[in-house]
Protein backbone atom coordinates (compact mmCIF):
# COMPACT_ATOMS: atom_id res chain seq x y z
CA MET A 1 0.00 0.00 0.00
CA ARG A 2 1.41 3.38 -0.97
CA PRO A 3 1.68 6.28 1.49
CA GLY A 4 -1.44 8.37 1.85
CA MET A 5 -3.76 5.53 0.94
CA VAL A 6 -5.17 4.04 4.13
CA THR A 7 -3.84 6.05 7.03
CA SER A 8 -4.25 9.45 5.33
CA GLY A 9 -1.42 11.80 4.50
CA LEU A 10 0.64 12.94 1.59
CA VAL A 11 0.26 10.97 -1.66
CA THR A 12 3.53 10.22 -3.42
CA GLY A 13 4.45 8.76 -6.80
CA GLY A 14 2.95 9.46 -10.17
CA VAL A 15 3.91 12.08 -12.73
CA PRO A 16 4.56 15.63 -11.45
CA ASN A 17 2.01 18.33 -12.38
CA ARG A 18 -0.57 15.82 -13.68
CA ASP A 19 -3.50 13.90 -12.22
CA SER A 20 -1.64 10.60 -12.46
CA VAL A 21 -2.30 8.73 -9.19
CA PRO A 22 -5.67 6.95 -9.24
CA ARG A 23 -7.56 6.76 -5.94
CA THR A 24 -10.62 4.95 -4.67
CA LEU A 25 -12.39 7.12 -2.13
CA MET A 26 -15.16 6.49 0.37
CA PRO A 27 -18.24 8.70 0.61
CA GLY A 28 -17.55 11.63 2.92
CA GLU A 29 -13.82 11.83 2.21
CA PHE A 30 -12.40 15.10 0.96
CA VAL A 31 -9.56 15.75 -1.49
CA LEU A 32 -7.57 18.99 -1.60
CA LYS A 33 -5.61 20.56 -4.43
CA ARG A 34 -1.85 20.64 -3.97
CA SER A 35 -2.01 24.46 -3.85
CA ALA A 36 -4.42 24.28 -0.88
CA VAL A 37 -2.15 21.78 0.88
CA ASN A 38 0.77 24.16 0.37
CA VAL A 39 -1.17 27.07 1.91
CA ILE A 40 -2.64 25.11 4.84
CA GLY A 41 0.51 23.06 5.46
CA ARG A 42 1.05 19.33 5.76
CA ASP A 43 1.56 19.48 9.52
CA THR A 44 -1.80 21.20 10.01
CA LEU A 45 -3.57 18.69 7.76
CA ASN A 46 -1.93 15.76 9.57
CA ARG A 47 -3.13 17.17 12.90
CA MET A 48 -6.64 17.61 11.48
CA ASN A 49 -6.69 13.98 10.32
CA ALA A 50 -5.48 12.81 13.72
CA MET A 51 -8.20 14.85 15.45
CA GLY A 52 -10.85 13.55 13.07
CA ALA A 53 -10.58 10.11 14.61
CA GLY A 54 -11.22 11.54 18.06
CA VAL A 55 -12.40 14.99 19.06
CA MET A 56 -13.79 16.18 15.73
CA ALA A 57 -15.65 12.91 15.11
CA LYS A 58 -17.71 13.56 18.26
CA ALA A 59 -18.53 17.18 17.41
CA PRO A 60 -21.99 18.06 16.11
CA PRO A 61 -22.24 18.58 12.35
CA VAL A 62 -21.75 22.11 11.03
CA GLU A 63 -24.31 23.44 8.58
CA PRO A 64 -22.84 25.04 5.42
CA ALA A 65 -22.97 28.83 5.31
């Protein structure tokens, strides 16, 4: 299994600057553009994923604005 597939995180491999890494996603998962990852930061996104399994999973849903 390649990094970023099961445990979340950065996806590696493929051809640079092209959509070249196929993914099978589950309903409710969210994919970000590389530019968004660069702005938000990998460390922040890793912390968000870690929280999602605990604190954030128990939070009430937020209605879209």
